[in-house]
PDB file of N, CA and C in Angstrom:
ATOM      1  N   MET A   1      -0.875 -14.589   4.717  1.00  0.00           N
ATOM      2  CA  MET A   1      -0.631 -12.895   4.640  1.00  0.00           C
ATOM      3  C   MET A   1       0.777 -11.856   4.938  1.00  0.00           C
ATOM      4  N   LYS A   2       1.183 -10.784   4.365  1.00  0.00           N
ATOM      5  CA  LYS A   2       2.580 -10.503   4.902  1.00  0.00           C
ATOM      6  C   LYS A   2       2.041  -8.735   5.062  1.00  0.00           C
ATOM      7  N   THR A   3       2.626  -8.207   6.271  1.00  0.00           N
ATOM      8  CA  THR A   3       2.637  -6.956   6.513  1.00  0.00           C
ATOM      9  C   THR A   3       3.690  -5.813   5.982  1.00  0.00           C
ATOM     10  N   PHE A   4       3.606  -4.833   6.091  1.00  0.00           N
ATOM     11  CA  PHE A   4       4.796  -3.915   5.498  1.00  0.00           C
ATOM     12  C   PHE A   4       4.207  -2.568   6.151  1.00  0.00           C
ATOM     13  N   ASN A   5       5.092  -1.677   6.075  1.00  0.00           N
ATOM     14  CA  ASN A   5       4.392  -0.350   6.945  1.00  0.00           C
ATOM     15  C   ASN A   5       4.996   0.479   5.313  1.00  0.00           C
ATOM     16  N   LEU A   6       4.249   1.327   5.207  1.00  0.00           N
ATOM     17  CA  LEU A   6       4.758   2.286   3.594  1.00  0.00           C
ATOM     18  C   LEU A   6       4.292   3.404   4.226  1.00  0.00           C
ATOM     19  N   SER A   7       5.365   4.181   2.922  1.00  0.00           N
ATOM     20  CA  SER A   7       5.033   6.437   3.183  1.00  0.00           C
ATOM     21  C   SER A   7       4.359   6.260   2.268  1.00  0.00           C
ATOM     22  N   LEU A   8       3.878   6.988   1.800  1.00  0.00           N
ATOM     23  CA  LEU A   8       3.585   7.192   0.633  1.00  0.00           C
ATOM     24  C   LEU A   8       3.329   9.137   0.662  1.00  0.00           C
ATOM     25  N   ASN A   9       4.392  10.095   0.304  1.00  0.00           N
ATOM     26  CA  ASN A   9       4.659  11.269   0.798  1.00  0.00           C
ATOM     27  C   ASN A   9       4.317  12.124  -0.169  1.00  0.00           C
ATOM     28  N   CYS A  10       3.898  11.897  -1.314  1.00  0.00           N
ATOM     29  CA  CYS A  10       3.799  12.620  -2.307  1.00  0.00           C
ATOM     30  C   CYS A  10       2.374  11.952  -3.319  1.00  0.00           C
ATOM     31  N   ILE A  11       1.490  13.198  -4.074  1.00  0.00           N
ATOM     32  CA  ILE A  11       0.532  12.534  -4.638  1.00  0.00           C
ATOM     33  C   ILE A  11       0.976  11.576  -6.223  1.00  0.00           C
ATOM     34  N   ASN A  12       2.325  11.858  -6.670  1.00  0.00           N
ATOM     35  CA  ASN A  12       3.130  10.882  -7.180  1.00  0.00           C
ATOM     36  C   ASN A  12       3.038   9.610  -6.786  1.00  0.00           C
ATOM     37  N   ASP A  13       3.953   9.889  -5.365  1.00  0.00           N
ATOM     38  CA  ASP A  13       3.976   7.981  -4.294  1.00  0.00           C
ATOM     39  C   ASP A  13       2.805   7.808  -4.997  1.00  0.00           C
ATOM     40  N   VAL A  14       1.650   8.114  -4.520  1.00  0.00           N
ATOM     41  CA  VAL A  14       0.484   7.215  -4.268  1.00  0.00           C
ATOM     42  C   VAL A  14      -0.109   6.841  -5.512  1.00  0.00           C
ATOM     43  N   LYS A  15       0.180   7.805  -6.641  1.00  0.00           N
ATOM     44  CA  LYS A  15       0.178   7.384  -8.268  1.00  0.00           C
ATOM     45  C   LYS A  15       0.748   5.610  -8.828  1.00  0.00           C
ATOM     46  N   ASP A  16       1.859   6.035  -8.208  1.00  0.00           N
ATOM     47  CA  ASP A  16       3.119   5.058  -8.788  1.00  0.00           C
ATOM     48  C   ASP A  16       2.163   3.848  -8.024  1.00  0.00           C
ATOM     49  N   PHE A  17       1.887   3.934  -6.510  1.00  0.00           N
ATOM     50  CA  PHE A  17       1.870   3.038  -5.755  1.00  0.00           C
ATOM     51  C   PHE A  17       0.827   1.770  -6.088  1.00  0.00           C
ATOM     52  N   VAL A  18      -0.612   2.950  -6.404  1.00  0.00           N
ATOM     53  CA  VAL A  18      -1.674   2.326  -7.227  1.00  0.00           C
ATOM     54  C   VAL A  18      -1.525   1.159  -8.443  1.00  0.00           C
ATOM     55  N   ASN A  19      -1.044   2.145  -9.094  1.00  0.00           N
ATOM     56  CA  ASN A  19      -0.481   1.485 -10.374  1.00  0.00           C
ATOM     57  C   ASN A  19       0.451   0.180 -10.136  1.00  0.00           C
ATOM     58  N   ILE A  20       1.078   0.110  -9.320  1.00  0.00           N
ATOM     59  CA  ILE A  20       2.234  -1.358  -9.052  1.00  0.00           C
ATOM     60  C   ILE A  20       0.562  -2.306  -8.622  1.00  0.00           C
ATOM     61  N   VAL A  21       0.235  -2.088  -7.543  1.00  0.00           N
ATOM     62  CA  VAL A  21      -0.745  -2.770  -6.778  1.00  0.00           C
ATOM     63  C   VAL A  21      -1.941  -3.122  -7.795  1.00  0.00           C
ATOM     64  N   SER A  22      -2.170  -2.333  -8.603  1.00  0.00           N
ATOM     65  CA  SER A  22      -3.431  -2.940  -9.852  1.00  0.00           C
ATOM     66  C   SER A  22      -3.408  -4.181 -10.713  1.00  0.00           C
ATOM     67  N   LYS A  23      -1.571  -4.381 -10.415  1.00  0.00           N
ATOM     68  CA  LYS A  23      -1.678  -5.624 -11.420  1.00  0.00           C
ATOM     69  C   LYS A  23      -1.360  -6.983 -10.750  1.00  0.00           C
ATOM     70  N   TYR A  24      -1.949  -7.100  -9.962  1.00  0.00           N
ATOM     71  CA  TYR A  24      -1.648  -8.012  -9.144  1.00  0.00           C
ATOM     72  C   TYR A  24      -3.029  -8.240  -8.818  1.00  0.00           C
ATOM     73  N   ASP A  25      -3.782 -10.177  -8.695  1.00  0.00           N
ATOM     74  CA  ASP A  25      -5.103 -10.343  -8.281  1.00  0.00           C
ATOM     75  C   ASP A  25      -5.460 -10.194  -6.997  1.00  0.00           C
ATOM     76  N   PHE A  26      -4.337 -10.650  -6.006  1.00  0.00           N
ATOM     77  CA  PHE A  26      -4.344 -10.785  -4.138  1.00  0.00           C
ATOM     78  C   PHE A  26      -5.224  -9.619  -3.952  1.00  0.00           C
ATOM     79  N   GLU A  27      -5.907  -9.282  -2.875  1.00  0.00           N
ATOM     80  CA  GLU A  27      -6.262  -7.868  -1.838  1.00  0.00           C
ATOM     81  C   GLU A  27      -5.157  -7.859  -1.468  1.00  0.00           C
ATOM     82  N   ILE A  28      -4.935  -6.380  -1.268  1.00  0.00           N
ATOM     83  CA  ILE A  28      -4.283  -5.315  -0.338  1.00  0.00           C
ATOM     84  C   ILE A  28      -5.124  -4.635   0.723  1.00  0.00           C
ATOM     85  N   ASP A  29      -4.975  -4.699   1.743  1.00  0.00           N
ATOM     86  CA  ASP A  29      -5.742  -3.373   2.453  1.00  0.00           C
ATOM     87  C   ASP A  29      -4.346  -2.438   3.364  1.00  0.00           C
ATOM     88  N   LEU A  30      -4.869  -0.981   2.988  1.00  0.00           N
ATOM     89  CA  LEU A  30      -4.389  -0.388   3.875  1.00  0.00           C
ATOM     90  C   LEU A  30      -4.533   0.231   4.820  1.00  0.00           C
ATOM     91  N   THR A  31      -4.377   0.127   6.355  1.00  0.00           N
ATOM     92  CA  THR A  31      -4.442   1.091   7.506  1.00  0.00           C
ATOM     93  C   THR A  31      -4.188   1.616   8.007  1.00  0.00           C
ATOM     94  N   SER A  32      -4.555   3.071   8.582  1.00  0.00           N
ATOM     95  CA  SER A  32      -4.314   4.000   8.858  1.00  0.00           C
ATOM     96  C   SER A  32      -5.357   4.112  10.153  1.00  0.00           C
ATOM     97  N   GLY A  33      -4.385   4.037  11.377  1.00  0.00           N
ATOM     98  CA  GLY A  33      -5.675   4.130  12.340  1.00  0.00           C
ATOM     99  C   GLY A  33      -6.586   3.311  12.496  1.00  0.00           C
ATOM    100  N   ARG A  34      -8.260   3.682  12.838  1.00  0.00           N
ATOM    101  CA  ARG A  34      -9.190   2.731  12.838  1.00  0.00           C
ATOM    102  C   ARG A  34      -9.464   2.899  11.249  1.00  0.00           C
ATOM    103  N   TYR A  35      -9.276   3.492  10.546  1.00  0.00           N
ATOM    104  CA  TYR A  35      -9.734   3.279   9.010  1.00  0.00           C
ATOM    105  C   TYR A  35      -9.077   2.443   7.925  1.00  0.00           C
ATOM    106  N   VAL A  36      -9.594   1.678   7.226  1.00  0.00           N
ATOM    107  CA  VAL A  36      -8.975   0.420   5.934  1.00  0.00           C
ATOM    108  C   VAL A  36      -9.327   0.785   4.748  1.00  0.00           C
ATOM    109  N   VAL A  37      -8.668   1.179   4.030  1.00  0.00           N
ATOM    110  CA  VAL A  37      -8.828   0.844   2.555  1.00  0.00           C
ATOM    111  C   VAL A  37      -8.678  -0.138   1.698  1.00  0.00           C
ATOM    112  N   ASP A  38      -9.171   0.205   0.759  1.00  0.00           N
ATOM    113  CA  ASP A  38      -8.540  -0.620  -0.431  1.00  0.00           C
ATOM    114  C   ASP A  38      -7.671  -0.210  -1.393  1.00  0.00           C
ATOM    115  N   ALA A  39      -6.576  -1.065  -1.077  1.00  0.00           N
ATOM    116  CA  ALA A  39      -4.427  -0.193  -1.625  1.00  0.00           C
ATOM    117  C   ALA A  39      -5.074  -0.215  -3.568  1.00  0.00           C
ATOM    118  N   LYS A  40      -6.128  -0.385  -3.806  1.00  0.00           N
ATOM    119  CA  LYS A  40      -6.205  -0.203  -5.510  1.00  0.00           C
ATOM    120  C   LYS A  40      -7.131   1.377  -5.744  1.00  0.00           C
ATOM    121  N   SER A  41      -7.538   1.579  -4.239  1.00  0.00           N
ATOM    122  CA  SER A  41      -8.218   2.651  -4.809  1.00  0.00           C
ATOM    123  C   SER A  41      -7.354   4.118  -4.039  1.00  0.00           C
ATOM    124  N   ILE A  42      -7.527   5.031  -5.331  1.00  0.00           N
ATOM    125  CA  ILE A  42      -6.626   5.986  -4.968  1.00  0.00           C
ATOM    126  C   ILE A  42      -7.709   7.242  -4.102  1.00  0.00           C
ATOM    127  N   MET A  43      -8.825   7.442  -4.031  1.00  0.00           N
ATOM    128  CA  MET A  43      -9.843   8.442  -3.636  1.00  0.00           C
ATOM    129  C   MET A  43      -9.769   7.435  -1.753  1.00  0.00           C
ATOM    130  N   GLY A  44      -9.562   6.350  -1.520  1.00  0.00           N
ATOM    131  CA  GLY A  44      -9.422   5.423  -0.393  1.00  0.00           C
ATOM    132  C   GLY A  44      -8.500   5.983   0.120  1.00  0.00           C
ATOM    133  N   ILE A  45      -6.918   5.714  -0.411  1.00  0.00           N
ATOM    134  CA  ILE A  45      -5.596   6.445  -0.502  1.00  0.00           C
ATOM    135  C   ILE A  45      -5.693   7.719   0.476  1.00  0.00           C
ATOM    136  N   PHE A  46      -6.206   8.841  -0.181  1.00  0.00           N
ATOM    137  CA  PHE A  46      -6.008  10.329   0.246  1.00  0.00           C
ATOM    138  C   PHE A  46      -6.917  10.582   1.057  1.00  0.00           C
ATOM    139  N   SER A  47      -7.843   9.809   1.569  1.00  0.00           N
ATOM    140  CA  SER A  47      -8.670   9.548   2.799  1.00  0.00           C
ATOM    141  C   SER A  47      -7.714   9.198   4.235  1.00  0.00           C
ATOM    142  N   LEU A  48      -6.518   8.544   3.678  1.00  0.00           N
ATOM    143  CA  LEU A  48      -5.718   8.333   4.983  1.00  0.00           C
ATOM    144  C   LEU A  48      -4.978   9.663   5.419  1.00  0.00           C
ATOM    145  N   ASP A  49      -4.620   9.457   6.896  1.00  0.00           N
ATOM    146  CA  ASP A  49      -3.351  10.379   7.082  1.00  0.00           C
ATOM    147  C   ASP A  49      -2.171   9.871   6.641  1.00  0.00           C
ATOM    148  N   LEU A  50      -1.517  10.379   5.019  1.00  0.00           N
ATOM    149  CA  LEU A  50      -0.297  10.137   4.665  1.00  0.00           C
ATOM    150  C   LEU A  50       0.713  10.618   5.578  1.00  0.00           C
ATOM    151  N   SER A  51       0.546  11.422   6.562  1.00  0.00           N
ATOM    152  CA  SER A  51       1.579  12.185   6.796  1.00  0.00           C
ATOM    153  C   SER A  51       2.326  10.929   7.990  1.00  0.00           C
ATOM    154  N   LYS A  52       1.698  10.169   8.539  1.00  0.00           N
ATOM    155  CA  LYS A  52       2.465   8.302   8.794  1.00  0.00           C
ATOM    156  C   LYS A  52       2.393   7.769   8.352  1.00  0.00           C
ATOM    157  N   PRO A  53       3.401   7.025   8.458  1.00  0.00           N
ATOM    158  CA  PRO A  53       3.868   5.342   7.973  1.00  0.00           C
ATOM    159  C   PRO A  53       2.296   4.975   7.547  1.00  0.00           C
ATOM    160  N   ILE A  54       1.990   4.149   6.463  1.00  0.00           N
ATOM    161  CA  ILE A  54       0.531   3.632   6.689  1.00  0.00           C
ATOM    162  C   ILE A  54       0.240   2.082   7.005  1.00  0.00           C
ATOM    163  N   LYS A  55       0.195   1.029   7.014  1.00  0.00           N
ATOM    164  CA  LYS A  55       0.036  -0.375   7.080  1.00  0.00           C
ATOM    165  C   LYS A  55      -0.347  -0.985   6.080  1.00  0.00           C
ATOM    166  N   ALA A  56      -0.044  -1.400   5.567  1.00  0.00           N
ATOM    167  CA  ALA A  56      -0.485  -2.622   4.162  1.00  0.00           C
ATOM    168  C   ALA A  56      -0.691  -4.439   4.300  1.00  0.00           C
ATOM    169  N   GLU A  57      -1.494  -4.849   4.243  1.00  0.00           N
ATOM    170  CA  GLU A  57      -1.805  -5.975   4.520  1.00  0.00           C
ATOM    171  C   GLU A  57      -2.108  -7.166   2.823  1.00  0.00           C
ATOM    172  N   VAL A  58      -0.968  -7.910   2.668  1.00  0.00           N
ATOM    173  CA  VAL A  58      -0.813  -8.042   1.271  1.00  0.00           C
ATOM    174  C   VAL A  58      -1.954  -9.705   1.888  1.00  0.00           C
ATOM    175  N   HIS A  59      -2.926  -9.402   1.426  1.00  0.00           N
ATOM    176  CA  HIS A  59      -3.522 -11.007   1.677  1.00  0.00           C
ATOM    177  C   HIS A  59      -3.057 -12.135   0.659  1.00  0.00           C
ATOM    178  N   SER A  60      -1.913 -12.593   0.134  1.00  0.00           N
ATOM    179  CA  SER A  60      -1.318 -13.678  -0.243  1.00  0.00           C
ATOM    180  C   SER A  60       0.177 -14.113   0.032  1.00  0.00           C
ATOM    181  N   ASP A  61       0.647 -15.418  -0.152  1.00  0.00           N
ATOM    182  CA  ASP A  61       1.655 -15.941   0.264  1.00  0.00           C
ATOM    183  C   ASP A  61       2.330 -15.822  -0.537  1.00  0.00           C
ATOM    184  N   ASP A  62       2.113 -15.513  -1.785  1.00  0.00           N
ATOM    185  CA  ASP A  62       3.426 -15.428  -3.293  1.00  0.00           C
ATOM    186  C   ASP A  62       3.092 -13.745  -3.463  1.00  0.00           C
ATOM    187  N   CYS A  63       4.278 -13.228  -2.972  1.00  0.00           N
ATOM    188  CA  CYS A  63       4.338 -11.638  -2.717  1.00  0.00           C
ATOM    189  C   CYS A  63       5.352 -11.334  -2.897  1.00  0.00           C
ATOM    190  N   ASP A  64       6.477 -12.480  -3.493  1.00  0.00           N
ATOM    191  CA  ASP A  64       8.044 -11.857  -3.299  1.00  0.00           C
ATOM    192  C   ASP A  64       8.023 -10.509  -4.250  1.00  0.00           C
ATOM    193  N   LYS A  65       7.803 -10.797  -5.553  1.00  0.00           N
ATOM    194  CA  LYS A  65       7.809  -9.947  -6.178  1.00  0.00           C
ATOM    195  C   LYS A  65       6.935  -8.540  -6.616  1.00  0.00           C
ATOM    196  N   PHE A  66       5.912  -8.503  -5.855  1.00  0.00           N
ATOM    197  CA  PHE A  66       5.429  -7.379  -5.303  1.00  0.00           C
ATOM    198  C   PHE A  66       6.037  -6.723  -4.493  1.00  0.00           C
ATOM    199  N   GLU A  67       6.700  -7.710  -3.247  1.00  0.00           N
ATOM    200  CA  GLU A  67       7.499  -6.791  -2.468  1.00  0.00           C
ATOM    201  C   GLU A  67       8.807  -6.142  -3.125  1.00  0.00           C
ATOM    202  N   GLY A  68       9.348  -6.641  -3.691  1.00  0.00           N
ATOM    203  CA  GLY A  68      10.449  -6.007  -4.616  1.00  0.00           C
ATOM    204  C   GLY A  68       9.820  -4.465  -5.338  1.00  0.00           C
ATOM    205  N   GLU A  69       8.645  -4.537  -6.020  1.00  0.00           N
ATOM    206  CA  GLU A  69       8.126  -3.714  -6.331  1.00  0.00           C
ATOM    207  C   GLU A  69       8.215  -2.379  -5.913  1.00  0.00           C
ATOM    208  N   ILE A  70       7.556  -2.836  -5.165  1.00  0.00           N
ATOM    209  CA  ILE A  70       6.724  -1.529  -3.716  1.00  0.00           C
ATOM    210  C   ILE A  70       7.895  -1.379  -2.467  1.00  0.00           C
ATOM    211  N   LYS A  71       9.680  -1.734  -3.072  1.00  0.00           N
ATOM    212  CA  LYS A  71      10.552  -1.373  -2.036  1.00  0.00           C
ATOM    213  C   LYS A  71      10.931  -0.363  -1.866  1.00  0.00           C
ATOM    214  N   LYS A  72      10.637   0.527  -2.271  1.00  0.00           N
ATOM    215  CA  LYS A  72      10.937   1.651  -2.025  1.00  0.00           C
ATOM    216  C   LYS A  72      10.147   2.910  -1.554  1.00  0.00           C
ATOM    217  N   PHE A  73       8.647   2.274  -1.012  1.00  0.00           N
ATOM    218  CA  PHE A  73       7.997   2.625  -0.321  1.00  0.00           C
ATOM    219  C   PHE A  73       7.380   2.463   0.945  1.00  0.00           C
ATOM    220  N   ILE A  74       8.280   1.156   1.398  1.00  0.00           N
ATOM    221  CA  ILE A  74       8.765   0.460   2.225  1.00  0.00           C
ATOM    222  C   ILE A  74       9.609   1.177   3.179  1.00  0.00           C
ATOM    223  N   VAL A  75       9.179   1.225   4.337  1.00  0.00           N
ATOM    224  CA  VAL A  75       9.932   1.830   5.968  1.00  0.00           C
ATOM    225  C   VAL A  75       9.755   1.071   6.931  1.00  0.00           C
ATOM    226  N   ASP A  76      10.957   1.079   8.018  1.00  0.00           N
ATOM    227  CA  ASP A  76      10.514  -0.190   9.091  1.00  0.00           C
ATOM    228  C   ASP A  76       9.888   0.762  10.179  1.00  0.00           C
TER     229      ASP A  76
END
């Protein structure tokens, strides 16, 4: 499992992120505070507080290609 902090600032960021995530078979959870949603759910993502970085947990050890695709959303 790998963990990233993401910033999704606008509607287009969320749409692009979900399109990327949907291509992969492994599970990805997004956490904001005490809420956890499926990263493949646009409605779930919009229920989170997007004004702060969101924690993404990728449930796969082979996610290098995925990490490269979402690099523009990753924050430190």
